[in-house]
C-alpha cells in the first residue's frame, strides 16, 4: 500500500452535521384558511433532532393541529414519530404529502399512543388466596430440593476431610457464637428475672415460695433458653447468611465458583450449618446458666431464698433430662436457621432490593419455623411423657 497516496473520502457515511435539522413551521399556504396546518421539513430522526427535548425543538401551537404536511420531510424514524406524537397531544390531524413508509410509521405510533392498556383484573379474594398458596407450595418444594442437594453435598464431602474446611467452621463459630454471648447472656438473665418475679407473686399466696426453683429451672432449661437463643440467632446469624450469599449471587461470585468447579453448597453452606450446629447448643447452655442466675437473684430479693439454698435445691430436684431436651431442641433449631438463611440467600435475583427482601424473608421464616418446631416438640414430649 502506497503511504503517499491520500485516503479516499468516506462518502458512504454522512456526518451528523450534513443532516438537515428537524423543523416544524406553520404552513403559510393554509394560514388564511380555517385549518391549523403545520409543515414538516428536514430529517425527523435521532440525528436530526440532536439533543433537543421535544418542548425545546417544537413551537407551541395556538390550537389543535388539524393538518400535518410532510411534503418537505426528508426522513422519519421512531424517535421523530414519538416526538411529534408528544407535541400533538390528543389532536388527530390529517396527514398530507407523506411518503408511504413514513406514513405507515406515523399511523402506527398514533394508534399505539391512543390505545389504552387494559389493566389486569384484581381477582376475587379466593383467587388471591389460591395464588398465595401456590407460591408457598412452590417455595416449600424448592426448599425440599435445596435440602436434598445439601444432603447430597454433605455425603460427598464426608469421606474427604479437606472439604470440611475447619478454619472456616471456626470462623463461623466465632461470628455466630462467641460474638453473640453478650446479647444472649443479658436476654436470658432478664428472662430469668421475669419468670422468677411472676412466679414469686403467685407462689407466695399459697406458701409455696420454695417451688420457684423448679419453676425457673424447668422453664429456662426446657423452653426459654433454647427458644430465646434460637430467635436471637435467627435475627442475627440467619440474616447474615442470607445477606452474604445474596450479595455473592448479585456479584456473580456464586457463578464464578461453579465455573471453577467448586460446589457452592460445600464451600458456603456446609461450614455455616456445622458451625451453627455447634454454637447454638453451647449458647443454650450459657443461656441456662445466666437465666437460672437471674431467677436466683430475684428469688433472693422477693422471697428471701438464699443463693446457697437455691443452688442446693436446684441441683437436687432438677433432672439432667431437662438440660438434654433443651440441647436437642437447640440442635434442630440451628439446622432450621442455617438452612433457611442459606436457602433464601441463593434465591436472590440480581439486585440490591432482592437482597433486602430475601434477608427479611429468611428472618421471618426462620423464627416462624423455630416456634412451630418448639410447639411440635412440646406435643411430642407430652405424648412420650418426658
Protein backbone atom coordinates (compact mmCIF):
# COMPACT_ATOMS: atom_id res chain seq x y z
CA UNK A 1 0.00 0.00 0.00
CA UNK A 2 1.37 3.43 -1.04
CA UNK A 3 1.61 5.64 2.06
CA UNK A 4 1.88 8.81 -0.07
CA UNK A 5 -1.49 8.18 -1.66
CA UNK A 6 -4.26 10.12 0.15
CA UNK A 7 -7.14 8.07 1.54
CA UNK A 8 -10.40 8.03 -0.36
CA UNK A 9 -13.13 10.26 1.04
CA UNK A 10 -15.73 8.38 3.09
CA UNK A 11 -18.90 9.45 1.34
CA UNK A 12 -20.93 6.40 2.29
CA UNK A 13 -21.26 7.54 5.92
CA UNK A 14 -22.57 11.11 6.07
CA UNK A 15 -21.78 13.02 9.21
CA UNK A 16 -24.38 14.34 11.58
CA UNK A 17 -23.52 17.88 10.55
CA UNK A 18 -24.71 17.11 6.98
CA UNK A 19 -28.16 16.08 8.27
CA UNK A 20 -30.85 18.72 7.88
CA UNK A 21 -32.31 19.54 11.31
CA UNK A 22 -35.90 18.71 12.07
CA UNK A 23 -38.16 21.75 11.60
CA UNK A 24 -41.85 22.34 12.22
CA UNK A 25 -43.43 25.57 10.95
CA UNK A 26 -46.92 26.82 10.24
CA UNK A 27 -47.96 26.09 6.65
CA UNK A 28 -48.27 29.64 5.23
CA UNK A 29 -50.24 28.35 2.27
CA UNK A 30 -53.10 27.39 4.55
CA UNK A 31 -52.85 30.04 7.27
CA UNK A 32 -55.59 32.09 5.68
CA UNK A 33 -57.89 29.06 5.75
CA UNK A 34 -59.74 27.68 8.68
CA UNK A 35 -57.41 24.72 9.11
CA UNK A 36 -54.49 24.93 11.53
CA UNK A 37 -51.81 23.45 9.28
CA UNK A 38 -48.19 22.69 10.05
CA UNK A 39 -45.38 21.70 7.68
CA UNK A 40 -42.53 19.32 8.42
CA UNK A 41 -39.07 19.62 6.88
CA UNK A 42 -35.63 18.17 7.34
CA UNK A 43 -34.68 14.87 8.98
CA UNK A 44 -37.04 13.89 11.79
CA UNK A 45 -34.58 11.31 13.04
CA UNK A 46 -32.42 10.94 16.12
CA UNK A 47 -29.59 12.74 14.33
CA UNK A 48 -31.86 15.50 13.07
CA UNK A 49 -33.38 16.13 16.50
CA UNK A 50 -29.97 16.15 18.17
CA UNK A 51 -30.05 16.62 21.93
CA UNK A 52 -33.09 18.90 21.97
CA UNK A 53 -36.04 17.99 24.10
CA UNK A 54 -39.48 17.92 22.46
CA UNK A 55 -40.50 21.10 24.31
CA UNK A 56 -37.39 22.87 23.01
CA UNK A 57 -37.49 21.50 19.47
CA UNK A 58 -41.12 22.28 18.65
CA UNK A 59 -43.08 25.55 18.68
CA UNK A 60 -46.25 25.98 20.67
CA UNK A 61 -49.46 25.59 18.73
CA UNK A 62 -52.20 28.20 19.14
CA UNK A 63 -54.79 25.49 18.64
CA UNK A 64 -55.05 21.80 17.85
CA UNK A 65 -53.16 20.82 14.70
CA UNK A 66 -55.65 19.69 12.04
CA UNK A 67 -53.30 19.21 9.09
CA UNK A 68 -49.74 17.90 9.18
CA UNK A 69 -47.99 18.30 5.83
CA UNK A 70 -44.83 16.28 5.15
CA UNK A 71 -44.05 17.28 1.59
CA UNK A 72 -40.62 18.61 2.58
CA UNK A 73 -39.91 15.81 5.02
CA UNK A 74 -36.58 14.13 4.26
CA UNK A 75 -36.58 11.21 6.72
CA UNK A 76 -38.51 9.91 9.72
CA UNK A 77 -37.67 7.32 12.35
CA UNK A 78 -39.36 6.16 15.55
CA UNK A 79 -37.71 8.90 17.64
CA UNK A 80 -39.11 11.64 15.41
CA UNK A 81 -42.53 9.99 15.28
CA UNK A 82 -42.80 9.84 19.08
CA UNK A 83 -41.63 13.46 19.42
CA UNK A 84 -44.38 14.51 17.01
CA UNK A 85 -46.92 12.44 18.90
CA UNK A 86 -45.93 14.12 22.18
CA UNK A 87 -46.37 17.54 20.53
CA UNK A 88 -49.74 16.67 19.02
CA UNK A 89 -51.20 15.56 22.33
CA UNK A 90 -54.79 14.47 21.83
CA UNK A 91 -55.10 16.02 18.35
CA UNK A 92 -55.77 13.76 15.36
CA UNK A 93 -54.52 15.73 12.34
CA UNK A 94 -54.92 14.86 8.69
CA UNK A 95 -51.65 13.61 7.19
CA UNK A 96 -50.84 15.13 3.80
CA UNK A 97 -47.86 14.64 1.47
CA UNK A 98 -46.40 11.71 3.44
CA UNK A 99 -44.23 9.03 1.88
CA UNK A 100 -45.70 5.50 2.30
CA UNK A 101 -43.04 4.29 4.74
CA UNK A 102 -43.15 7.41 6.91
CA UNK A 103 -46.96 7.41 6.78
CA UNK A 104 -47.13 3.81 8.00
CA UNK A 105 -44.76 4.54 10.88
CA UNK A 106 -46.66 7.67 11.96
CA UNK A 107 -50.01 5.90 11.85
CA UNK A 108 -48.64 3.07 13.96
CA UNK A 109 -47.31 5.49 16.58
CA UNK A 110 -50.60 7.38 16.65
CA UNK A 111 -52.55 4.13 17.03
CA UNK A 112 -50.36 2.81 19.84
CA UNK A 113 -50.46 6.06 21.77
CA UNK A 114 -54.22 6.27 21.57
CA UNK A 115 -54.72 2.66 22.65
CA UNK A 116 -55.49 2.24 26.34
CA UNK A 117 -53.69 -0.54 28.11
CA UNK A 118 -56.11 -2.89 29.77
CA UNK A 119 -55.37 -3.30 33.47
CA UNK A 120 -55.39 -6.88 34.71
CA UNK A 121 -58.36 -7.74 36.90
CA UNK A 122 -57.74 -7.79 40.62
CA UNK A 123 -59.46 -11.13 41.04
CA UNK A 124 -61.52 -12.34 43.94
CA UNK A 125 -60.21 -12.92 47.44
CA UNK A 126 -60.38 -16.66 46.88
CA UNK A 127 -58.22 -16.28 43.78
CA UNK A 128 -55.61 -14.25 45.68
CA UNK A 129 -55.54 -16.81 48.47
CA UNK A 130 -55.11 -19.56 45.90
CA UNK A 131 -52.19 -17.77 44.24
CA UNK A 132 -50.53 -17.25 47.61
CA UNK A 133 -50.99 -20.92 48.46
CA UNK A 134 -49.47 -22.00 45.14
CA UNK A 135 -46.49 -19.67 45.70
CA UNK A 136 -45.97 -21.09 49.19
CA UNK A 137 -46.17 -24.64 47.84
CA UNK A 138 -43.58 -23.89 45.17
CA UNK A 139 -41.27 -22.32 47.72
CA UNK A 140 -41.66 -25.34 50.01
CA UNK A 141 -40.85 -27.63 47.08
CA UNK A 142 -37.77 -25.54 46.26
CA UNK A 143 -36.66 -25.73 49.90
CA UNK A 144 -37.00 -29.51 49.93
CA UNK A 145 -34.96 -29.63 46.73
CA UNK A 146 -32.32 -27.44 48.42
CA UNK A 147 -32.23 -29.74 51.45
CA UNK A 148 -31.80 -32.76 49.17
CA UNK A 149 -28.89 -31.12 47.31
CA UNK A 150 -27.34 -30.10 50.63
CA UNK A 151 -27.59 -33.65 51.97
CA UNK A 152 -26.00 -34.98 48.79
CA UNK A 153 -23.17 -32.44 49.07
CA UNK A 154 -22.61 -33.41 52.72
CA UNK A 155 -22.44 -37.11 51.83
CA UNK A 156 -19.91 -36.39 49.08
CA UNK A 157 -17.77 -34.30 51.43
CA UNK A 158 -17.93 -36.76 54.34
CA UNK A 159 -15.05 -39.07 53.22
CA UNK A 160 -12.79 -36.12 52.35
CA UNK A 161 -11.55 -34.28 55.41
CA UNK A 162 -10.07 -31.40 53.41
CA UNK A 163 -13.56 -30.45 52.17
CA UNK A 164 -14.83 -29.71 55.69
CA UNK A 165 -12.75 -26.51 55.92
CA UNK A 166 -12.16 -26.49 59.69
CA UNK A 167 -10.76 -22.96 59.65
CA UNK A 168 -13.94 -21.62 58.03
CA UNK A 169 -16.05 -23.52 60.56
CA UNK A 170 -14.05 -21.99 63.43
CA UNK A 171 -14.52 -18.53 61.93
CA UNK A 172 -18.28 -19.04 61.66
CA UNK A 173 -18.41 -20.30 65.26
CA UNK A 174 -16.67 -17.13 66.39
CA UNK A 175 -19.03 -14.86 64.45
CA UNK A 176 -22.27 -16.71 65.14
CA UNK A 177 -21.49 -17.98 68.63
CA UNK A 178 -18.81 -16.13 70.57
CA UNK A 179 -19.84 -12.68 69.40
CA UNK A 180 -23.45 -13.41 70.43
CA UNK A 181 -22.60 -14.22 74.07
CA UNK A 182 -23.32 -10.71 75.48
CA UNK A 183 -26.80 -10.36 73.97
CA UNK A 184 -27.71 -13.97 74.77
CA UNK A 185 -26.49 -13.64 78.37
CA UNK A 186 -28.27 -10.35 79.04
CA UNK A 187 -31.55 -11.50 77.48
CA UNK A 188 -31.56 -14.81 79.36
CA UNK A 189 -30.70 -13.13 82.66
CA UNK A 190 -33.61 -10.70 82.30
CA UNK A 191 -35.91 -13.52 81.25
CA UNK A 192 -34.96 -15.50 84.38
CA UNK A 193 -35.69 -12.41 86.46
CA UNK A 194 -39.13 -12.05 84.86
CA UNK A 195 -40.04 -15.73 85.33
CA UNK A 196 -38.99 -15.69 88.98
CA UNK A 197 -40.79 -12.40 89.63
CA UNK A 198 -44.06 -13.54 88.07
CA UNK A 199 -43.90 -16.89 89.85
CA UNK A 200 -42.96 -15.40 93.22
CA UNK A 201 -46.13 -13.32 93.46
CA UNK A 202 -48.32 -16.36 92.75
CA UNK A 203 -46.46 -18.92 94.87
CA UNK A 204 -46.30 -16.64 97.90
CA UNK A 205 -50.10 -16.69 98.20
CA UNK A 206 -50.03 -20.47 98.68
CA UNK A 207 -46.98 -20.65 100.94
CA UNK A 208 -45.02 -22.48 98.26
CA UNK A 209 -42.32 -19.94 97.61
CA UNK A 210 -39.61 -22.58 97.51
CA UNK A 211 -41.07 -24.05 94.31
CA UNK A 212 -39.81 -21.03 92.40
CA UNK A 213 -36.62 -23.08 91.96
CA UNK A 214 -38.45 -25.73 89.91
CA UNK A 215 -40.34 -23.04 88.02
CA UNK A 216 -37.20 -21.21 86.94
CA UNK A 217 -35.26 -24.40 86.30
CA UNK A 218 -37.75 -26.17 84.06
CA UNK A 219 -38.85 -23.00 82.29
CA UNK A 220 -35.30 -21.98 81.38
CA UNK A 221 -33.74 -25.38 80.65
CA UNK A 222 -36.61 -26.87 78.64
CA UNK A 223 -38.23 -23.88 76.93
CA UNK A 224 -36.99 -20.34 77.26
CA UNK A 225 -33.22 -20.78 76.96
CA UNK A 226 -33.23 -22.75 73.68
CA UNK A 227 -36.12 -20.73 72.25
CA UNK A 228 -34.83 -17.24 73.02
CA UNK A 229 -31.32 -18.21 71.88
CA UNK A 230 -32.70 -19.52 68.58
CA UNK A 231 -34.79 -16.40 67.98
CA UNK A 232 -31.82 -14.10 68.60
CA UNK A 233 -29.54 -16.18 66.38
CA UNK A 234 -32.21 -16.25 63.65
CA UNK A 235 -32.27 -12.46 63.59
CA UNK A 236 -28.52 -12.18 63.90
CA UNK A 237 -26.85 -15.04 62.03
CA UNK A 238 -29.74 -16.13 59.79
CA UNK A 239 -29.99 -12.66 58.29
CA UNK A 240 -26.19 -12.51 57.90
CA UNK A 241 -26.16 -15.82 55.99
CA UNK A 242 -28.91 -14.66 53.61
CA UNK A 243 -27.28 -11.25 53.03
CA UNK A 244 -23.80 -12.71 52.45
CA UNK A 245 -24.88 -15.36 49.97
CA UNK A 246 -27.37 -12.99 48.31
CA UNK A 247 -24.65 -10.39 47.76
CA UNK A 248 -22.43 -13.06 46.23
CA UNK A 249 -25.26 -14.07 43.90
CA UNK A 250 -25.73 -10.44 42.80
CA UNK A 251 -21.97 -10.04 42.24
CA UNK A 252 -21.95 -13.32 40.25
CA UNK A 253 -19.40 -14.83 42.64
CA UNK A 254 -21.53 -17.97 43.03
CA UNK A 255 -21.49 -18.43 39.24
CA UNK A 256 -17.74 -17.96 39.31
CA UNK A 257 -17.41 -20.75 41.89
CA UNK A 258 -19.45 -23.09 39.69
CA UNK A 259 -17.30 -22.14 36.69
CA UNK A 260 -14.18 -23.09 38.64
CA UNK A 261 -15.72 -26.45 39.52
CA UNK A 262 -16.33 -25.58 43.20
CA UNK A 263 -19.65 -26.63 44.72
CA UNK A 264 -21.20 -23.55 46.41
CA UNK A 265 -23.04 -25.76 48.90
CA UNK A 266 -19.80 -27.32 50.13
CA UNK A 267 -17.95 -24.02 50.07
CA UNK A 268 -20.58 -21.70 51.59
CA UNK A 269 -23.37 -23.66 53.24
CA UNK A 270 -21.82 -26.66 54.98
CA UNK A 271 -19.40 -24.62 57.16
CA UNK A 272 -22.27 -22.39 58.30
CA UNK A 273 -24.54 -25.31 59.19
CA UNK A 274 -21.81 -27.16 61.08
CA UNK A 275 -20.71 -24.02 62.91
CA UNK A 276 -24.24 -23.09 63.98
CA UNK A 277 -25.00 -26.69 64.99
CA UNK A 278 -22.06 -26.44 67.37
CA UNK A 279 -22.53 -22.84 68.52
CA UNK A 280 -26.26 -22.78 69.29
CA UNK A 281 -26.25 -25.68 71.83
CA UNK A 282 -23.30 -24.03 73.58
CA UNK A 283 -25.16 -20.72 73.61
CA UNK A 284 -28.17 -22.54 75.05
CA UNK A 285 -26.04 -23.87 77.93
CA UNK A 286 -24.76 -20.35 78.56
CA UNK A 287 -28.35 -19.06 78.48
CA UNK A 288 -29.33 -21.76 81.01
CA UNK A 289 -26.71 -20.53 83.47
CA UNK A 290 -27.49 -16.84 83.10
CA UNK A 291 -31.26 -17.41 83.20
CA UNK A 292 -31.07 -19.52 86.35
CA UNK A 293 -28.78 -16.93 87.89
CA UNK A 294 -31.32 -14.21 87.11
CA UNK A 295 -34.04 -16.28 88.80
CA UNK A 296 -31.75 -16.83 91.77
CA UNK A 297 -31.21 -13.08 92.18
CA UNK A 298 -34.95 -12.38 92.03
CA UNK A 299 -35.74 -15.22 94.47
CA UNK A 300 -33.24 -13.78 96.93
CA UNK A 301 -34.78 -10.35 96.65
CA UNK A 302 -38.50 -11.20 96.63
CA UNK A 303 -38.69 -14.48 98.58
CA UNK A 304 -35.62 -14.32 100.83
CA UNK A 305 -34.28 -17.58 99.38
CA UNK A 306 -30.52 -17.56 99.77
CA UNK A 307 -28.17 -18.33 96.94
CA UNK A 308 -26.89 -21.48 98.63
CA UNK A 309 -30.39 -22.75 99.37
CA UNK A 310 -31.46 -22.06 95.77
CA UNK A 311 -28.42 -23.84 94.33
CA UNK A 312 -28.79 -26.83 96.66
CA UNK A 313 -32.46 -27.36 95.81
CA UNK A 314 -31.79 -26.78 92.09
CA UNK A 315 -29.11 -29.49 91.99
CA UNK A 316 -31.34 -31.88 93.98
CA UNK A 317 -34.67 -31.56 92.14
CA UNK A 318 -33.63 -30.80 88.61
CA UNK A 319 -33.03 -33.74 86.32
CA UNK A 320 -30.44 -33.98 83.57
CA UNK A 321 -33.16 -34.81 81.06
CA UNK A 322 -34.39 -31.21 81.13
CA UNK A 323 -30.97 -29.97 80.00
CA UNK A 324 -30.65 -32.68 77.35
CA UNK A 325 -34.10 -31.95 75.94
CA UNK A 326 -33.23 -28.27 75.63
CA UNK A 327 -29.95 -29.08 73.89
CA UNK A 328 -31.70 -31.43 71.45
CA UNK A 329 -34.19 -28.73 70.56
CA UNK A 330 -31.41 -26.18 70.06
CA UNK A 331 -29.66 -28.50 67.60
CA UNK A 332 -32.81 -28.78 65.48
CA UNK A 333 -33.29 -25.00 65.70
CA UNK A 334 -29.74 -24.46 64.45
CA UNK A 335 -30.33 -26.65 61.40
CA UNK A 336 -33.55 -24.76 60.60
CA UNK A 337 -31.98 -21.31 60.95
CA UNK A 338 -28.87 -22.09 58.87
CA UNK A 339 -30.80 -23.90 56.14
CA UNK A 340 -33.43 -21.16 55.78
CA UNK A 341 -30.84 -18.37 55.75
CA UNK A 342 -28.70 -20.01 53.06
CA UNK A 343 -31.75 -21.05 51.03
CA UNK A 344 -33.14 -17.52 50.88
CA UNK A 345 -29.69 -16.18 50.02
CA UNK A 346 -29.50 -18.42 46.94
CA UNK A 347 -32.97 -17.22 45.87
CA UNK A 348 -31.72 -13.64 45.41
CA UNK A 349 -32.29 -12.42 41.86
CA UNK A 350 -29.71 -9.88 40.83
CA UNK A 351 -30.50 -6.62 42.65
CA UNK A 352 -29.82 -4.94 45.98
CA UNK A 353 -33.56 -4.76 46.61
CA UNK A 354 -33.79 -8.52 46.24
CA UNK A 355 -31.02 -8.98 48.83
CA UNK A 356 -33.00 -7.00 51.40
CA UNK A 357 -36.23 -8.82 50.57
CA UNK A 358 -34.68 -12.28 50.86
CA UNK A 359 -32.92 -11.32 54.10
CA UNK A 360 -36.24 -10.27 55.61
CA UNK A 361 -37.86 -13.50 54.45
CA UNK A 362 -35.03 -15.52 55.97
CA UNK A 363 -35.51 -13.96 59.41
CA UNK A 364 -39.31 -14.19 59.37
CA UNK A 365 -39.42 -17.77 58.11
CA UNK A 366 -36.67 -18.95 60.46
CA UNK A 367 -38.39 -17.51 63.54
CA UNK A 368 -41.76 -18.90 62.44
CA UNK A 369 -40.38 -22.39 61.82
CA UNK A 370 -38.48 -22.34 65.12
CA UNK A 371 -41.69 -21.57 67.02
CA UNK A 372 -43.57 -24.25 65.06
CA UNK A 373 -40.83 -26.78 65.81
CA UNK A 374 -40.92 -25.83 69.50
CA UNK A 375 -44.68 -26.41 69.59
CA UNK A 376 -44.26 -29.78 67.91
CA UNK A 377 -41.58 -30.72 70.44
CA UNK A 378 -43.98 -29.85 73.26
CA UNK A 379 -46.66 -32.12 71.78
CA UNK A 380 -44.13 -34.91 71.22
CA UNK A 381 -42.68 -34.67 74.74
CA UNK A 382 -46.20 -34.73 76.16
CA UNK A 383 -47.04 -37.87 74.19
CA UNK A 384 -43.80 -39.53 75.34
CA UNK A 385 -44.34 -38.25 78.92
CA UNK A 386 -40.91 -36.63 79.02
